Amino acid sequence: MKKILIGSGIPKVCVEPFEGIVDMTMPPVVGERFPQDEVLRLIPEYDAFFCFGTPLTKEILDAGKNLKAVANFGVGYDNIDWKYATEKNIFVVNTPQSVLQPTAEFTVALIMAISRGILMYDRKLRREKKCSSERFFNRDLMVYGKTLGLLGFGRIGKAVAQKCQGLGMHVIYYDPYRLSEEKEKELGATYMPLKEVVSTADVLSLHMPYTSENHHLFNYDLMKTMKKTAYLINAARGPIVNEADLVKALKEERIRGAAIDVFDNEPNVSDELLELENVVVTPHVASCIFESRVGMAQEALKGLIGILEGNHPANVINPQLFKK
């Protein structure tokens, strides 16, 4: 029987469908993780590794002399040296489907929370303990009829577009891989170059994967081209945005506000960012729903088992290995 090493303890419901199909080893307590030295000790015996955010370095990949596949818990895989894994003919699996709707929903929640001042009003009411508001308070935004700009138009970007169109928003997007005109018409989305999307949008939401090429892509110079009344939303990856530059732009009121679920130096967050009133912050929880997390674990395990059984699962990020 093939053997899978699971780097973190996960609920029994996640592994029940696969019992008797593969031999799975994981820490006994949900949330407990194997330390890296323990991973290095165990991994030579296993055919696959479900890493749960553990940095998958060359050292670990080399130690896994029997590894056929590795999986991460999430759609991102920047913690995995996937190029080196590919060189070693090791498949890399992620969880794109299970995070899709929860992340898209959470993005819409962030948009509404910052554009309508929900958390700011909440904090004010808790402080003052009575209802009060200015009759012509000029801070918030009615999203109906406004323009949503999406940087990155993959699965999650398209789902966010669909939901926000239901709120009456117009959708523009930039992606290095432009859709056909027919598909754009079907989705009701208009393509523009990156800088035009940034300067046109009333709400700008980031949905690109993190790569070394787009590290701090969203810096102060780019923020300065946004509308002063616009909001920035990031539920993608923290290092896409230069956090110090974001703080500067918010303090100078170069943009009206931001809603951020991911951060430049996770798990740490800038004290200056946390002190600002015109920002909503959440601790990287866009997919944090139990049914979604179970789905993510099972999607990853299905992908790993698919590889071990000689199949071609769709959630492989280096499918070129299938041709070898």
C-alpha atoms as a PDB file:
ATOM      1  CA  MET A   1       0.000   0.000   0.000  1.00  0.00           C
ATOM      2  CA  LYS A   2       1.287   3.459  -0.919  1.00  0.00           C
ATOM      3  CA  LYS A   3       2.191   5.783   1.949  1.00  0.00           C
ATOM      4  CA  ILE A   4       1.335   9.487   2.394  1.00  0.00           C
ATOM      5  CA  LEU A   5       2.937  11.672   5.047  1.00  0.00           C
ATOM      6  CA  ILE A   6       0.581  14.436   6.214  1.00  0.00           C
ATOM      7  CA  GLY A   7       2.467  17.304   7.822  1.00  0.00           C
ATOM      8  CA  SER A   8      -0.347  18.493  10.115  1.00  0.00           C
ATOM      9  CA  GLY A   9      -3.005  16.763  12.171  1.00  0.00           C
ATOM     10  CA  ILE A  10      -6.355  17.102  10.382  1.00  0.00           C
ATOM     11  CA  PRO A  11      -9.913  16.069  11.332  1.00  0.00           C
ATOM     12  CA  LYS A  12     -10.829  12.427  10.762  1.00  0.00           C
ATOM     13  CA  VAL A  13     -13.575  13.432   8.314  1.00  0.00           C
ATOM     14  CA  CYS A  14     -10.831  14.611   5.921  1.00  0.00           C
ATOM     15  CA  VAL A  15      -9.163  11.211   5.661  1.00  0.00           C
ATOM     16  CA  GLU A  16     -12.103   8.800   6.079  1.00  0.00           C
ATOM     17  CA  PRO A  17     -12.803   8.467   2.315  1.00  0.00           C
ATOM     18  CA  PHE A  18      -9.234   7.280   1.716  1.00  0.00           C
ATOM     19  CA  GLU A  19      -8.802   4.775   4.538  1.00  0.00           C
ATOM     20  CA  GLY A  20      -7.812   1.382   3.166  1.00  0.00           C
ATOM     21  CA  ILE A  21      -6.669   2.949  -0.113  1.00  0.00           C
ATOM     22  CA  VAL A  22      -3.431   4.457   1.179  1.00  0.00           C
ATOM     23  CA  ASP A  23      -1.498   4.354   4.429  1.00  0.00           C
ATOM     24  CA  MET A  24      -1.576   7.873   5.972  1.00  0.00           C
ATOM     25  CA  THR A  25       0.618   9.156   8.801  1.00  0.00           C
ATOM     26  CA  MET A  26      -0.004  12.472  10.567  1.00  0.00           C
ATOM     27  CA  PRO A  27       0.373  14.060  14.023  1.00  0.00           C
ATOM     28  CA  PRO A  28      -2.326  12.807  16.437  1.00  0.00           C
ATOM     29  CA  VAL A  29      -3.634  16.271  17.392  1.00  0.00           C
ATOM     30  CA  VAL A  30      -5.558  18.446  14.921  1.00  0.00           C
ATOM     31  CA  GLY A  31      -3.397  21.449  14.064  1.00  0.00           C
ATOM     32  CA  GLU A  32      -0.189  19.948  15.441  1.00  0.00           C
ATOM     33  CA  ARG A  33       2.640  19.898  12.883  1.00  0.00           C
ATOM     34  CA  PHE A  34       5.647  17.710  12.371  1.00  0.00           C
ATOM     35  CA  PRO A  35       8.775  19.859  12.883  1.00  0.00           C
ATOM     36  CA  GLN A  36      11.121  20.028   9.930  1.00  0.00           C
ATOM     37  CA  ASP A  37      13.681  17.673  11.437  1.00  0.00           C
ATOM     38  CA  GLU A  38      10.938  15.077  11.934  1.00  0.00           C
ATOM     39  CA  VAL A  39       9.818  15.527   8.321  1.00  0.00           C
ATOM     40  CA  LEU A  40      13.399  14.919   7.188  1.00  0.00           C
ATOM     41  CA  ARG A  41      13.567  11.769   9.324  1.00  0.00           C
ATOM     42  CA  LEU A  42      10.260  10.323   8.127  1.00  0.00           C
ATOM     43  CA  ILE A  43      10.017  11.356   4.489  1.00  0.00           C
ATOM     44  CA  PRO A  44      12.378   8.743   2.951  1.00  0.00           C
ATOM     45  CA  GLU A  45       9.740   6.083   3.672  1.00  0.00           C
ATOM     46  CA  TYR A  46       6.851   7.865   1.924  1.00  0.00           C
ATOM     47  CA  ASP A  47       5.524   8.057  -1.622  1.00  0.00           C
ATOM     48  CA  ALA A  48       3.797  11.435  -1.189  1.00  0.00           C
ATOM     49  CA  PHE A  49       3.872  14.375   1.204  1.00  0.00           C
ATOM     50  CA  PHE A  50       0.949  16.682   2.073  1.00  0.00           C
ATOM     51  CA  CYS A  51       2.989  19.557   3.450  1.00  0.00           C
ATOM     52  CA  PHE A  52       0.475  22.049   4.935  1.00  0.00           C
ATOM     53  CA  GLY A  53       2.613  25.129   4.345  1.00  0.00           C
ATOM     54  CA  THR A  54       5.912  23.558   5.409  1.00  0.00           C
ATOM     55  CA  PRO A  55       8.669  25.061   3.223  1.00  0.00           C
ATOM     56  CA  LEU A  56       9.438  22.308   0.737  1.00  0.00           C
ATOM     57  CA  THR A  57      13.113  22.921   0.146  1.00  0.00           C
ATOM     58  CA  LYS A  58      15.632  21.050  -1.949  1.00  0.00           C
ATOM     59  CA  GLU A  59      16.795  19.351   1.257  1.00  0.00           C
ATOM     60  CA  ILE A  60      13.362  17.847   1.924  1.00  0.00           C
ATOM     61  CA  LEU A  61      12.786  16.944  -1.725  1.00  0.00           C
ATOM     62  CA  ASP A  62      16.175  15.224  -1.850  1.00  0.00           C
ATOM     63  CA  ALA A  63      15.453  13.358   1.376  1.00  0.00           C
ATOM     64  CA  GLY A  64      12.204  12.019  -0.093  1.00  0.00           C
ATOM     65  CA  LYS A  65      13.914   9.406  -2.218  1.00  0.00           C
ATOM     66  CA  ASN A  66      10.580   7.670  -2.971  1.00  0.00           C
ATOM     67  CA  LEU A  67       8.497  10.815  -3.486  1.00  0.00           C
ATOM     68  CA  LYS A  68       6.192  10.790  -6.486  1.00  0.00           C
ATOM     69  CA  ALA A  69       4.057  13.794  -5.474  1.00  0.00           C
ATOM     70  CA  VAL A  70       3.730  16.601  -2.934  1.00  0.00           C
ATOM     71  CA  ALA A  71       0.686  18.728  -2.139  1.00  0.00           C
ATOM     72  CA  ASN A  72       0.070  22.069  -0.470  1.00  0.00           C
ATOM     73  CA  PHE A  73      -3.004  23.068   1.531  1.00  0.00           C
ATOM     74  CA  GLY A  74      -4.254  25.909  -0.650  1.00  0.00           C
ATOM     75  CA  VAL A  75      -4.195  27.203  -4.190  1.00  0.00           C
ATOM     76  CA  GLY A  76      -0.807  28.890  -3.651  1.00  0.00           C
ATOM     77  CA  TYR A  77       2.399  26.896  -3.722  1.00  0.00           C
ATOM     78  CA  ASP A  78       5.118  29.542  -3.253  1.00  0.00           C
ATOM     79  CA  ASN A  79       6.358  27.552  -0.231  1.00  0.00           C
ATOM     80  CA  ILE A  80       7.315  24.691  -2.570  1.00  0.00           C
ATOM     81  CA  ASP A  81      10.438  24.696  -4.741  1.00  0.00           C
ATOM     82  CA  TRP A  82       8.249  23.406  -7.537  1.00  0.00           C
ATOM     83  CA  LYS A  83      10.843  23.932 -10.259  1.00  0.00           C
ATOM     84  CA  TYR A  84      13.269  21.674  -8.435  1.00  0.00           C
ATOM     85  CA  ALA A  85      10.460  19.201  -7.745  1.00  0.00           C
ATOM     86  CA  THR A  86       9.743  19.148 -11.476  1.00  0.00           C
ATOM     87  CA  GLU A  87      13.432  18.475 -12.206  1.00  0.00           C
ATOM     88  CA  LYS A  88      13.168  15.473  -9.864  1.00  0.00           C
ATOM     89  CA  ASN A  89       9.964  14.265 -11.593  1.00  0.00           C
ATOM     90  CA  ILE A  90       7.875  14.985  -8.486  1.00  0.00           C
ATOM     91  CA  PHE A  91       4.329  16.175  -9.160  1.00  0.00           C
ATOM     92  CA  VAL A  92       3.070  19.222  -7.232  1.00  0.00           C
ATOM     93  CA  VAL A  93      -0.614  19.338  -6.279  1.00  0.00           C
ATOM     94  CA  ASN A  94      -2.726  22.253  -4.968  1.00  0.00           C
ATOM     95  CA  THR A  95      -6.405  22.850  -4.116  1.00  0.00           C
ATOM     96  CA  PRO A  96      -7.858  25.315  -6.656  1.00  0.00           C
ATOM     97  CA  GLN A  97     -11.494  24.206  -6.621  1.00  0.00           C
ATOM     98  CA  SER A  98     -12.152  24.048  -2.880  1.00  0.00           C
ATOM     99  CA  VAL A  99     -10.922  27.591  -2.216  1.00  0.00           C
ATOM    100  CA  LEU A 100     -12.769  29.137  -5.148  1.00  0.00           C
ATOM    101  CA  GLN A 101     -16.169  30.102  -3.778  1.00  0.00           C
ATOM    102  CA  PRO A 102     -15.104  30.803  -0.165  1.00  0.00           C
ATOM    103  CA  THR A 103     -12.337  33.160  -1.320  1.00  0.00           C
ATOM    104  CA  ALA A 104     -14.616  34.878  -3.826  1.00  0.00           C
ATOM    105  CA  GLU A 105     -17.306  35.343  -1.157  1.00  0.00           C
ATOM    106  CA  PHE A 106     -14.785  36.686   1.320  1.00  0.00           C
ATOM    107  CA  THR A 107     -13.442  39.134  -1.263  1.00  0.00           C
ATOM    108  CA  VAL A 108     -16.949  40.513  -1.750  1.00  0.00           C
ATOM    109  CA  ALA A 109     -17.314  40.746   2.038  1.00  0.00           C
ATOM    110  CA  LEU A 110     -14.069  42.756   2.195  1.00  0.00           C
ATOM    111  CA  ILE A 111     -15.313  45.050  -0.577  1.00  0.00           C
ATOM    112  CA  MET A 112     -18.565  45.748   1.264  1.00  0.00           C
ATOM    113  CA  ALA A 113     -16.878  46.062   4.663  1.00  0.00           C
ATOM    114  CA  ILE A 114     -14.461  48.780   3.539  1.00  0.00           C
ATOM    115  CA  SER A 115     -16.622  50.574   0.976  1.00  0.00           C
ATOM    116  CA  ARG A 116     -19.574  50.949   3.369  1.00  0.00           C
ATOM    117  CA  GLY A 117     -17.463  51.573   6.470  1.00  0.00           C
ATOM    118  CA  ILE A 118     -18.961  48.650   8.366  1.00  0.00           C
ATOM    119  CA  LEU A 119     -16.034  48.029  10.707  1.00  0.00           C
ATOM    120  CA  MET A 120     -15.432  51.749  11.223  1.00  0.00           C
ATOM    121  CA  TYR A 121     -19.073  52.226  12.224  1.00  0.00           C
ATOM    122  CA  ASP A 122     -18.855  49.171  14.461  1.00  0.00           C
ATOM    123  CA  ARG A 123     -15.814  50.559  16.287  1.00  0.00           C
ATOM    124  CA  LYS A 124     -17.421  54.005  16.613  1.00  0.00           C
ATOM    125  CA  LEU A 125     -20.631  52.642  18.084  1.00  0.00           C
ATOM    126  CA  ARG A 126     -18.739  50.489  20.580  1.00  0.00           C
ATOM    127  CA  ARG A 127     -16.738  53.536  21.692  1.00  0.00           C
ATOM    128  CA  GLU A 128     -19.621  56.015  21.896  1.00  0.00           C
ATOM    129  CA  LYS A 129     -22.379  53.560  22.897  1.00  0.00           C
ATOM    130  CA  LYS A 130     -25.046  55.534  21.007  1.00  0.00           C
ATOM    131  CA  CYS A 131     -26.201  55.951  17.421  1.00  0.00           C
ATOM    132  CA  SER A 132     -24.897  59.042  15.693  1.00  0.00           C
ATOM    133  CA  SER A 133     -23.851  59.912  12.159  1.00  0.00           C
ATOM    134  CA  GLU A 134     -23.164  62.951  10.013  1.00  0.00           C
ATOM    135  CA  ARG A 135     -25.902  63.637   7.472  1.00  0.00           C
ATOM    136  CA  PHE A 136     -23.463  64.237   4.608  1.00  0.00           C
ATOM    137  CA  PHE A 137     -20.499  62.123   5.653  1.00  0.00           C
ATOM    138  CA  ASN A 138     -18.164  61.875   2.644  1.00  0.00           C
ATOM    139  CA  ARG A 139     -16.202  58.657   3.072  1.00  0.00           C
ATOM    140  CA  ASP A 140     -18.092  55.578   1.921  1.00  0.00           C
ATOM    141  CA  LEU A 141     -18.997  54.308  -1.527  1.00  0.00           C
ATOM    142  CA  MET A 142     -22.158  52.873  -3.035  1.00  0.00           C
ATOM    143  CA  VAL A 143     -20.806  50.051  -5.195  1.00  0.00           C
ATOM    144  CA  TYR A 144     -23.857  49.937  -7.486  1.00  0.00           C
ATOM    145  CA  GLY A 145     -22.893  51.445 -10.828  1.00  0.00           C
ATOM    146  CA  LYS A 146     -19.201  51.646  -9.897  1.00  0.00           C
ATOM    147  CA  THR A 147     -16.242  49.953 -11.590  1.00  0.00           C
ATOM    148  CA  LEU A 148     -14.518  46.892 -10.202  1.00  0.00           C
ATOM    149  CA  GLY A 149     -10.967  46.406 -11.460  1.00  0.00           C
ATOM    150  CA  LEU A 150      -9.485  42.918 -11.225  1.00  0.00           C
ATOM    151  CA  LEU A 151      -5.763  42.247 -11.519  1.00  0.00           C
ATOM    152  CA  GLY A 152      -5.694  38.555 -12.330  1.00  0.00           C
ATOM    153  CA  PHE A 153      -8.688  36.922 -13.996  1.00  0.00           C
ATOM    154  CA  GLY A 154      -8.415  33.242 -13.187  1.00  0.00           C
ATOM    155  CA  ARG A 155     -11.011  31.130 -11.393  1.00  0.00           C
ATOM    156  CA  ILE A 156     -11.319  33.358  -8.322  1.00  0.00           C
ATOM    157  CA  GLY A 157     -11.203  36.602 -10.294  1.00  0.00           C
ATOM    158  CA  LYS A 158     -14.033  35.392 -12.534  1.00  0.00           C
ATOM    159  CA  ALA A 159     -16.113  34.301  -9.511  1.00  0.00           C
ATOM    160  CA  VAL A 160     -15.618  37.702  -7.846  1.00  0.00           C
ATOM    161  CA  ALA A 161     -16.629  39.405 -11.100  1.00  0.00           C
ATOM    162  CA  GLN A 162     -19.848  37.388 -11.281  1.00  0.00           C
ATOM    163  CA  LYS A 163     -20.796  38.164  -7.684  1.00  0.00           C
ATOM    164  CA  CYS A 164     -20.019  41.868  -8.014  1.00  0.00           C
ATOM    165  CA  GLN A 165     -21.976  42.108 -11.260  1.00  0.00           C
ATOM    166  CA  GLY A 166     -24.903  40.929  -9.138  1.00  0.00           C
ATOM    167  CA  LEU A 167     -24.314  44.049  -7.028  1.00  0.00           C
ATOM    168  CA  GLY A 168     -24.507  46.201 -10.151  1.00  0.00           C
ATOM    169  CA  MET A 169     -20.790  46.785 -10.674  1.00  0.00           C
ATOM    170  CA  HIS A 170     -19.048  47.112 -14.042  1.00  0.00           C
ATOM    171  CA  VAL A 171     -16.039  44.820 -14.416  1.00  0.00           C
ATOM    172  CA  ILE A 172     -12.694  45.580 -16.023  1.00  0.00           C
ATOM    173  CA  TYR A 173      -9.663  43.321 -15.767  1.00  0.00           C
ATOM    174  CA  TYR A 174      -6.008  42.831 -16.543  1.00  0.00           C
ATOM    175  CA  ASP A 175      -4.367  39.430 -16.912  1.00  0.00           C
ATOM    176  CA  PRO A 176      -1.223  38.487 -18.854  1.00  0.00           C
ATOM    177  CA  TYR A 177      -3.381  35.902 -20.625  1.00  0.00           C
ATOM    178  CA  ARG A 178      -6.226  37.853 -22.171  1.00  0.00           C
ATOM    179  CA  LEU A 179      -9.483  36.021 -22.851  1.00  0.00           C
ATOM    180  CA  SER A 180     -11.050  35.865 -26.293  1.00  0.00           C
ATOM    181  CA  GLU A 181     -13.485  38.660 -27.164  1.00  0.00           C
ATOM    182  CA  GLU A 182     -16.258  36.056 -27.212  1.00  0.00           C
ATOM    183  CA  LYS A 183     -15.418  34.945 -23.647  1.00  0.00           C
ATOM    184  CA  GLU A 184     -15.130  38.557 -22.448  1.00  0.00           C
ATOM    185  CA  LYS A 185     -18.573  39.279 -23.837  1.00  0.00           C
ATOM    186  CA  GLU A 186     -19.973  36.142 -22.193  1.00  0.00           C
ATOM    187  CA  LEU A 187     -18.504  37.171 -18.803  1.00  0.00           C
ATOM    188  CA  GLY A 188     -19.354  40.861 -19.197  1.00  0.00           C
ATOM    189  CA  ALA A 189     -15.749  41.886 -18.525  1.00  0.00           C
ATOM    190  CA  THR A 190     -13.647  44.471 -20.374  1.00  0.00           C
ATOM    191  CA  TYR A 191      -9.895  44.007 -20.801  1.00  0.00           C
ATOM    192  CA  MET A 192      -7.560  46.951 -20.212  1.00  0.00           C
ATOM    193  CA  PRO A 193      -3.788  47.262 -19.741  1.00  0.00           C
ATOM    194  CA  LEU A 194      -2.678  47.033 -16.118  1.00  0.00           C
ATOM    195  CA  LYS A 195      -2.143  50.758 -15.544  1.00  0.00           C
ATOM    196  CA  GLU A 196      -5.514  51.622 -17.085  1.00  0.00           C
ATOM    197  CA  VAL A 197      -7.316  49.150 -14.814  1.00  0.00           C
ATOM    198  CA  VAL A 198      -5.522  50.665 -11.803  1.00  0.00           C
ATOM    199  CA  SER A 199      -6.378  54.251 -12.748  1.00  0.00           C
ATOM    200  CA  THR A 200      -9.990  53.519 -13.758  1.00  0.00           C
ATOM    201  CA  ALA A 201     -11.287  51.265 -10.959  1.00  0.00           C
ATOM    202  CA  ASP A 202     -13.346  52.466  -8.004  1.00  0.00           C
ATOM    203  CA  VAL A 203     -12.533  49.174  -6.271  1.00  0.00           C
ATOM    204  CA  LEU A 204      -9.325  47.371  -7.225  1.00  0.00           C
ATOM    205  CA  SER A 205      -9.038  43.704  -6.225  1.00  0.00           C
ATOM    206  CA  LEU A 206      -5.902  41.572  -6.598  1.00  0.00           C
ATOM    207  CA  HIS A 207      -6.197  37.956  -7.745  1.00  0.00           C
ATOM    208  CA  MET A 208      -2.850  37.056  -9.276  1.00  0.00           C
ATOM    209  CA  PRO A 209      -0.580  34.289  -7.965  1.00  0.00           C
ATOM    210  CA  TYR A 210       2.565  35.370  -6.152  1.00  0.00           C
ATOM    211  CA  THR A 211       5.787  34.990  -8.123  1.00  0.00           C
ATOM    212  CA  SER A 212       9.221  36.559  -7.843  1.00  0.00           C
ATOM    213  CA  GLU A 213       8.331  38.680 -10.889  1.00  0.00           C
ATOM    214  CA  ASN A 214       5.368  40.387  -9.175  1.00  0.00           C
ATOM    215  CA  HIS A 215       6.989  40.817  -5.750  1.00  0.00           C
ATOM    216  CA  HIS A 216       5.882  44.288  -4.571  1.00  0.00           C
ATOM    217  CA  LEU A 217       4.293  44.892  -7.966  1.00  0.00           C
ATOM    218  CA  PHE A 218       1.793  47.067  -6.183  1.00  0.00           C
ATOM    219  CA  ASN A 219       4.023  49.841  -4.871  1.00  0.00           C
ATOM    220  CA  TYR A 220       3.613  53.515  -4.043  1.00  0.00           C
ATOM    221  CA  ASP A 221       4.099  54.652  -7.648  1.00  0.00           C
ATOM    222  CA  LEU A 222       1.268  52.405  -8.806  1.00  0.00           C
ATOM    223  CA  MET A 223      -0.958  53.382  -5.865  1.00  0.00           C
ATOM    224  CA  LYS A 224      -0.525  57.045  -6.820  1.00  0.00           C
ATOM    225  CA  THR A 225      -2.241  56.313 -10.143  1.00  0.00           C
ATOM    226  CA  MET A 226      -5.415  55.060  -8.407  1.00  0.00           C
ATOM    227  CA  LYS A 227      -8.384  57.320  -7.905  1.00  0.00           C
ATOM    228  CA  LYS A 228      -8.184  59.104  -4.554  1.00  0.00           C
ATOM    229  CA  THR A 229     -11.684  57.757  -3.859  1.00  0.00           C
ATOM    230  CA  ALA A 230     -10.717  54.153  -4.691  1.00  0.00           C
ATOM    231  CA  TYR A 231     -10.259  51.119  -2.445  1.00  0.00           C
ATOM    232  CA  LEU A 232      -7.626  48.387  -2.667  1.00  0.00           C
ATOM    233  CA  ILE A 233      -8.567  44.781  -1.839  1.00  0.00           C
ATOM    234  CA  ASN A 234      -6.019  41.981  -1.390  1.00  0.00           C
ATOM    235  CA  ALA A 235      -7.058  38.413  -0.597  1.00  0.00           C
ATOM    236  CA  ALA A 236      -4.425  36.916  -2.915  1.00  0.00           C
ATOM    237  CA  ARG A 237      -0.850  36.998  -1.582  1.00  0.00           C
ATOM    238  CA  GLY A 238       0.686  39.562   0.764  1.00  0.00           C
ATOM    239  CA  PRO A 239       4.042  40.234  -0.945  1.00  0.00           C
ATOM    240  CA  ILE A 240       2.296  41.389  -4.128  1.00  0.00           C
ATOM    241  CA  VAL A 241       1.733  44.645  -2.206  1.00  0.00           C
ATOM    242  CA  ASN A 242       4.524  46.691  -0.662  1.00  0.00           C
ATOM    243  CA  GLU A 243       3.010  47.053   2.815  1.00  0.00           C
ATOM    244  CA  ALA A 244       5.119  50.078   3.809  1.00  0.00           C
ATOM    245  CA  ASP A 245       4.037  51.841   0.606  1.00  0.00           C
ATOM    246  CA  LEU A 246       0.404  50.970   1.321  1.00  0.00           C
ATOM    247  CA  VAL A 247       0.671  52.524   4.784  1.00  0.00           C
ATOM    248  CA  LYS A 248       2.158  55.649   3.211  1.00  0.00           C
ATOM    249  CA  ALA A 249      -0.589  55.878   0.578  1.00  0.00           C
ATOM    250  CA  LEU A 250      -3.327  55.423   3.194  1.00  0.00           C
ATOM    251  CA  LYS A 251      -1.818  58.001   5.550  1.00  0.00           C
ATOM    252  CA  GLU A 252      -1.482  60.529   2.727  1.00  0.00           C
ATOM    253  CA  GLU A 253      -5.037  59.741   1.540  1.00  0.00           C
ATOM    254  CA  ARG A 254      -3.708  58.839  -1.894  1.00  0.00           C
ATOM    255  CA  ILE A 255      -6.435  56.189  -1.800  1.00  0.00           C
ATOM    256  CA  ARG A 256      -9.571  56.118   0.318  1.00  0.00           C
ATOM    257  CA  GLY A 257      -9.032  52.764   2.020  1.00  0.00           C
ATOM    258  CA  ALA A 258      -7.939  49.141   1.823  1.00  0.00           C
ATOM    259  CA  ALA A 259      -9.178  45.722   2.922  1.00  0.00           C
ATOM    260  CA  ILE A 260      -6.395  43.200   3.392  1.00  0.00           C
ATOM    261  CA  ASP A 261      -6.487  39.485   4.248  1.00  0.00           C
ATOM    262  CA  VAL A 262      -2.843  38.725   3.399  1.00  0.00           C
ATOM    263  CA  PHE A 263       0.347  40.470   4.440  1.00  0.00           C
ATOM    264  CA  ASP A 264       3.876  41.198   3.316  1.00  0.00           C
ATOM    265  CA  ASN A 265       5.648  39.493   6.233  1.00  0.00           C
ATOM    266  CA  GLU A 266       3.183  36.906   7.516  1.00  0.00           C
ATOM    267  CA  PRO A 267       2.516  35.948  10.220  1.00  0.00           C
ATOM    268  CA  ASN A 268       3.639  39.440  11.274  1.00  0.00           C
ATOM    269  CA  VAL A 269       1.630  42.539  10.388  1.00  0.00           C
ATOM    270  CA  SER A 270       2.798  46.140  10.362  1.00  0.00           C
ATOM    271  CA  ASP A 271       1.840  48.022  13.545  1.00  0.00           C
ATOM    272  CA  GLU A 272       1.378  51.142  11.427  1.00  0.00           C
ATOM    273  CA  LEU A 273      -1.144  49.353   9.218  1.00  0.00           C
ATOM    274  CA  LEU A 274      -3.113  48.126  12.225  1.00  0.00           C
ATOM    275  CA  GLU A 275      -3.326  51.635  13.654  1.00  0.00           C
ATOM    276  CA  LEU A 276      -5.029  53.099  10.574  1.00  0.00           C
ATOM    277  CA  GLU A 277      -8.762  53.751  10.609  1.00  0.00           C
ATOM    278  CA  ASN A 278      -9.289  53.477   6.840  1.00  0.00           C
ATOM    279  CA  VAL A 279      -8.281  49.836   6.571  1.00  0.00           C
ATOM    280  CA  VAL A 280      -9.996  46.494   7.241  1.00  0.00           C
ATOM    281  CA  VAL A 281      -7.625  43.676   8.199  1.00  0.00           C
ATOM    282  CA  THR A 282      -8.317  39.960   8.586  1.00  0.00           C
ATOM    283  CA  PRO A 283      -5.761  37.225   9.437  1.00  0.00           C
ATOM    284  CA  HIS A 284      -5.522  35.279   6.120  1.00  0.00           C
ATOM    285  CA  VAL A 285      -8.880  33.552   6.589  1.00  0.00           C
ATOM    286  CA  ALA A 286     -10.601  33.844   3.192  1.00  0.00           C
ATOM    287  CA  SER A 287     -11.091  30.068   2.956  1.00  0.00           C
ATOM    288  CA  CYS A 288     -11.590  29.553   6.697  1.00  0.00           C
ATOM    289  CA  ILE A 289     -14.898  27.675   6.654  1.00  0.00           C
ATOM    290  CA  PHE A 290     -14.941  24.124   7.978  1.00  0.00           C
ATOM    291  CA  GLU A 291     -16.592  22.613   4.901  1.00  0.00           C
ATOM    292  CA  SER A 292     -14.115  24.435   2.695  1.00  0.00           C
ATOM    293  CA  ARG A 293     -11.105  23.276   4.731  1.00  0.00           C
ATOM    294  CA  VAL A 294     -12.342  19.673   4.623  1.00  0.00           C
ATOM    295  CA  GLY A 295     -12.806  20.056   0.872  1.00  0.00           C
ATOM    296  CA  MET A 296      -9.264  21.419   0.503  1.00  0.00           C
ATOM    297  CA  ALA A 297      -7.744  18.512   2.427  1.00  0.00           C
ATOM    298  CA  GLN A 298      -9.711  15.970   0.402  1.00  0.00           C
ATOM    299  CA  GLU A 299      -8.908  17.697  -2.901  1.00  0.00           C
ATOM    300  CA  ALA A 300      -5.192  17.543  -2.095  1.00  0.00           C
ATOM    301  CA  LEU A 301      -5.364  13.893  -1.012  1.00  0.00           C
ATOM    302  CA  LYS A 302      -7.369  12.929  -4.123  1.00  0.00           C
ATOM    303  CA  GLY A 303      -4.688  14.584  -6.252  1.00  0.00           C
ATOM    304  CA  LEU A 304      -1.874  12.748  -4.486  1.00  0.00           C
ATOM    305  CA  ILE A 305      -3.663   9.399  -4.675  1.00  0.00           C
ATOM    306  CA  GLY A 306      -4.477  10.037  -8.326  1.00  0.00           C
ATOM    307  CA  ILE A 307      -0.770  10.451  -9.072  1.00  0.00           C
ATOM    308  CA  LEU A 308       0.143   7.329  -7.069  1.00  0.00           C
ATOM    309  CA  GLU A 309      -2.463   5.336  -9.007  1.00  0.00           C
ATOM    310  CA  GLY A 310      -1.087   6.516 -12.348  1.00  0.00           C
ATOM    311  CA  ASN A 311      -3.922   8.913 -13.169  1.00  0.00           C
ATOM    312  CA  HIS A 312      -3.824  12.543 -14.383  1.00  0.00           C
ATOM    313  CA  PRO A 313      -5.592  14.665 -11.724  1.00  0.00           C
ATOM    314  CA  ALA A 314      -6.516  18.195 -12.783  1.00  0.00           C
ATOM    315  CA  ASN A 315      -4.984  19.881  -9.725  1.00  0.00           C
ATOM    316  CA  VAL A 316      -1.363  19.282 -10.747  1.00  0.00           C
ATOM    317  CA  ILE A 317       0.625  22.477 -11.314  1.00  0.00           C
ATOM    318  CA  ASN A 318       3.414  20.813 -13.336  1.00  0.00           C
ATOM    319  CA  PRO A 319       1.395  18.664 -15.774  1.00  0.00           C
ATOM    320  CA  GLN A 320       4.321  18.599 -18.197  1.00  0.00           C
ATOM    321  CA  LEU A 321       5.537  15.615 -16.187  1.00  0.00           C
ATOM    322  CA  PHE A 322       2.656  13.569 -17.569  1.00  0.00           C
ATOM    323  CA  LYS A 323       4.436  13.610 -20.942  1.00  0.00           C
ATOM    324  CA  LYS A 324       7.573  11.959 -19.574  1.00  0.00           C
END
